C-alpha atoms as a PDB file:
ATOM      1  CA  MET A   1       0.045   0.186   0.021  1.00  0.00           C
ATOM      2  CA  ASN A   2       0.995   3.619  -0.787  1.00  0.00           C
ATOM      3  CA  GLY A   3       1.030   6.286   1.463  1.00  0.00           C
ATOM      4  CA  ASN A   4      -2.531   7.531  -0.428  1.00  0.00           C
ATOM      5  CA  ASP A   5      -4.371   4.429   0.984  1.00  0.00           C
ATOM      6  CA  LYS A   6      -5.921   4.709   4.083  1.00  0.00           C
ATOM      7  CA  GLY A   7      -7.569   0.915   3.308  1.00  0.00           C
ATOM      8  CA  LEU A   8     -10.273   0.161   6.184  1.00  0.00           C
ATOM      9  CA  THR A   9     -11.258   1.745   9.214  1.00  0.00           C
ATOM     10  CA  THR A  10     -11.862  -1.293  12.314  1.00  0.00           C
ATOM     11  CA  ARG A  11     -15.213  -0.840  11.949  1.00  0.00           C
ATOM     12  CA  GLN A  12     -15.480  -1.518   8.310  1.00  0.00           C
ATOM     13  CA  ALA A  13     -12.904  -4.471   8.869  1.00  0.00           C
ATOM     14  CA  ILE A  14     -15.339  -5.953  11.216  1.00  0.00           C
ATOM     15  CA  VAL A  15     -18.106  -5.453   9.375  1.00  0.00           C
ATOM     16  CA  THR A  16     -17.063  -6.944   6.231  1.00  0.00           C
ATOM     17  CA  ILE A  17     -15.490 -10.297   8.650  1.00  0.00           C
ATOM     18  CA  LEU A  18     -18.922 -10.675   9.961  1.00  0.00           C
ATOM     19  CA  ARG A  19     -20.012 -10.641   6.184  1.00  0.00           C
ATOM     20  CA  CYS A  20     -18.261 -12.870   5.333  1.00  0.00           C
ATOM     21  CA  HIS A  21     -18.923 -15.356   8.436  1.00  0.00           C
ATOM     22  CA  VAL A  22     -22.507 -15.507   7.469  1.00  0.00           C
ATOM     23  CA  VAL A  23     -21.706 -16.483   3.804  1.00  0.00           C
ATOM     24  CA  ILE A  24     -19.820 -19.453   4.705  1.00  0.00           C
ATOM     25  CA  ILE A  25     -22.651 -20.325   7.475  1.00  0.00           C
ATOM     26  CA  ARG A  26     -24.880 -19.924   4.551  1.00  0.00           C
ATOM     27  CA  ASN A  27     -23.397 -21.645   2.113  1.00  0.00           C
ATOM     28  CA  ILE A  28     -22.748 -24.920   4.429  1.00  0.00           C
ATOM     29  CA  ALA A  29     -26.028 -24.878   5.855  1.00  0.00           C
ATOM     30  CA  ARG A  30     -27.052 -24.768   1.704  1.00  0.00           C
ATOM     31  CA  ALA A  31     -24.414 -27.829   1.522  1.00  0.00           C
ATOM     32  CA  LEU A  32     -25.763 -29.598   3.997  1.00  0.00           C
ATOM     33  CA  ASN A  33     -29.855 -29.255   2.938  1.00  0.00           C
ATOM     34  CA  ARG A  34     -28.104 -30.701  -0.624  1.00  0.00           C
ATOM     35  CA  ALA A  35     -26.830 -33.869   0.940  1.00  0.00           C
ATOM     36  CA  VAL A  36     -29.792 -34.069   3.295  1.00  0.00           C
ATOM     37  CA  THR A  37     -32.400 -33.867   0.620  1.00  0.00           C
ATOM     38  CA  GLY A  38     -30.252 -35.965  -2.167  1.00  0.00           C
ATOM     39  CA  LYS A  39     -29.585 -39.006  -0.019  1.00  0.00           C
ATOM     40  CA  PRO A  40     -31.621 -39.025   3.223  1.00  0.00           C
ATOM     41  CA  TRP A  41     -30.900 -42.709   4.188  1.00  0.00           C
ATOM     42  CA  LEU A  42     -27.086 -41.920   3.931  1.00  0.00           C
ATOM     43  CA  CYS A  43     -27.419 -39.154   6.289  1.00  0.00           C
ATOM     44  CA  LEU A  44     -29.839 -40.886   8.732  1.00  0.00           C
ATOM     45  CA  CYS A  45     -27.288 -43.836   8.564  1.00  0.00           C
ATOM     46  CA  ALA A  46     -24.497 -41.266   9.867  1.00  0.00           C
ATOM     47  CA  VAL A  47     -26.832 -40.092  12.236  1.00  0.00           C
ATOM     48  CA  VAL A  48     -27.445 -43.647  14.018  1.00  0.00           C
ATOM     49  CA  LEU A  49     -23.719 -44.511  13.794  1.00  0.00           C
ATOM     50  CA  VAL A  50     -22.918 -41.124  15.607  1.00  0.00           C
ATOM     51  CA  SER A  51     -25.125 -42.112  18.178  1.00  0.00           C
ATOM     52  CA  ILE A  52     -24.188 -45.824  19.264  1.00  0.00           C
ATOM     53  CA  THR A  53     -20.922 -44.435  19.009  1.00  0.00           C
ATOM     54  CA  THR A  54     -21.545 -41.958  21.410  1.00  0.00           C
ATOM     55  CA  ALA A  55     -23.609 -43.960  23.569  1.00  0.00           C
ATOM     56  CA  ALA A  56     -21.315 -46.743  23.560  1.00  0.00           C
ATOM     57  CA  THR A  57     -18.400 -44.430  24.708  1.00  0.00           C
ATOM     58  CA  ALA A  58     -20.772 -43.005  27.349  1.00  0.00           C
ATOM     59  CA  ILE A  59     -21.699 -46.493  28.659  1.00  0.00           C
ATOM     60  CA  LEU A  60     -17.776 -47.974  28.623  1.00  0.00           C
ATOM     61  CA  LYS A  61     -16.620 -44.969  30.215  1.00  0.00           C
ATOM     62  CA  ALA A  62     -19.250 -45.437  33.157  1.00  0.00           C
ATOM     63  CA  ARG A  63     -18.285 -49.234  33.276  1.00  0.00           C
ATOM     64  CA  ALA A  64     -14.496 -48.666  34.023  1.00  0.00           C
ATOM     65  CA  GLU A  65     -15.509 -45.765  36.432  1.00  0.00           C
ATOM     66  CA  ARG A  66     -17.590 -48.307  38.526  1.00  0.00           C
ATOM     67  CA  ASP A  67     -15.058 -50.856  38.204  1.00  0.00           C
ATOM     68  CA  SER A  68     -12.189 -48.382  39.451  1.00  0.00           C
ATOM     69  CA  TYR A  69     -14.838 -47.353  42.709  1.00  0.00           C
ATOM     70  CA  ASN A  70     -15.571 -51.285  42.904  1.00  0.00           C
ATOM     71  CA  LYS A  71     -11.798 -52.123  43.263  1.00  0.00           C
ATOM     72  CA  ALA A  72     -11.099 -49.668  45.449  1.00  0.00           C
ATOM     73  CA  LEU A  73     -13.803 -50.475  48.014  1.00  0.00           C
ATOM     74  CA  TYR A  74     -12.474 -54.100  47.798  1.00  0.00           C
ATOM     75  CA  GLU A  75      -8.724 -52.865  48.842  1.00  0.00           C
ATOM     76  CA  ALA A  76     -10.249 -50.782  51.649  1.00  0.00           C
ATOM     77  CA  ASN A  77     -12.387 -53.980  53.001  1.00  0.00           C
ATOM     78  CA  GLN A  78      -9.495 -55.709  52.652  1.00  0.00           C
ATOM     79  CA  LYS A  79      -7.703 -53.843  55.114  1.00  0.00           C
ATOM     80  CA  ILE A  80     -10.329 -53.548  57.301  1.00  0.00           C
ATOM     81  CA  ASP A  81     -10.795 -57.095  57.635  1.00  0.00           C
ATOM     82  CA  SER A  82      -6.618 -57.470  57.913  1.00  0.00           C
ATOM     83  CA  LEU A  83      -7.053 -54.757  60.766  1.00  0.00           C
ATOM     84  CA  LYS A  84      -9.661 -56.448  62.386  1.00  0.00           C
ATOM     85  CA  ILE A  85      -7.051 -59.584  62.621  1.00  0.00           C
ATOM     86  CA  ILE A  86      -4.756 -57.610  64.148  1.00  0.00           C
ATOM     87  CA  ALA A  87      -6.923 -56.110  67.001  1.00  0.00           C
ATOM     88  CA  ASP A  88      -8.931 -59.807  67.683  1.00  0.00           C
ATOM     89  CA  GLY A  89      -5.252 -61.027  68.109  1.00  0.00           C
ATOM     90  CA  ASN A  90      -4.102 -58.241  70.016  1.00  0.00           C
ATOM     91  CA  SER A  91      -7.137 -58.373  72.551  1.00  0.00           C
ATOM     92  CA  THR A  92      -6.619 -61.897  72.731  1.00  0.00           C
ATOM     93  CA  ASP A  93      -3.001 -61.833  74.170  1.00  0.00           C
ATOM     94  CA  ASN A  94      -3.800 -59.716  76.860  1.00  0.00           C
END
């Protein structure tokens, strides 16, 4: 740019950026609409596949969390039992 060009003001630049974003979103929406209306069964299968994957992931995560809590509880119970045995052994010695 030479010294005579003033370019865009900040406000004009922001407005231009927002207009470009609107155009991008509109074009994406149109492309999705064409895809869904053109191949509805393919889109339906994709949605079902994503749903099944998401559900399976959530279920596996919940099971892993449950198993870790069960392991911690089992270890705590084992420690309590060993302490009871030690306490019972000390109380009979007196």
